[in-house]
């Protein structure tokens, strides 16, 4: 039986660019994003399990129908659609920032990173308004197929352990779970957006100071972009679970 001897110094891959030619930092970022995806997935699966096991639940068409400075106008999902557009737009500007980084265009990276930061801050501002409205406003709850108004005053949190219902304080039979999951999951996502904004600000400053030009590449912008796109993708599933189902 003959054996094949591989000469010393022979490369294992000779078909062009190696498929394993990826930096350590990118590999670790992908590992982090995968583990974070499992965390969000567990949260959303838990939410879905509770959502379809109780008869009392908040109706998204009546809970998410407010819009800033619009008074009592009934605009279902209009505000969250604006939030989604802002986040998607910021994802587009991040793509453009990464593209400018590949071209070694520092001014272009600065411009699009700044727009991405503004988009992230705008989203967080919208989320802060939404949280304030949900905590202090009145809302319709779907109880056995019928709508009932819960939280008729602002003295109690309508998503807390007790709400004012027909003039009496009663325990919530289902919406407490909605509030817990909504604030928990959207808050966890909001924390990721906030972290992404901080990271993007650091990347913007480093770009402004010319650190990446000195390194000869803008790989850090690309890694920040991976994280930001992940945050945008997670929002799609959060939007589906809380606002559409």
Foldseek 3Di string as FASTA:
>chain_A
DDDDDDDPPDDPDDPPDDPPPDDPLLVVLVVVLVVVVVVLVVLLVVLVVQVPPDQKFFDLQWLQQDDPPPPPHGRRCPLVVVLLVLLVVLLVLLVQLQVVQVVVNLVSVLVSLVSSLVSLVVSLVSVVVSVVCQQQHWTWMQHNNDTAIWAPGRPGGRLDQWTQGPNDTDGDPRSVSVVVSLCVSVVVLNVLSVVLSVLSVVLSVCSVVVVQVVVVGSVSSVSSSVSSVSSSVSVVVVCCSNNPD
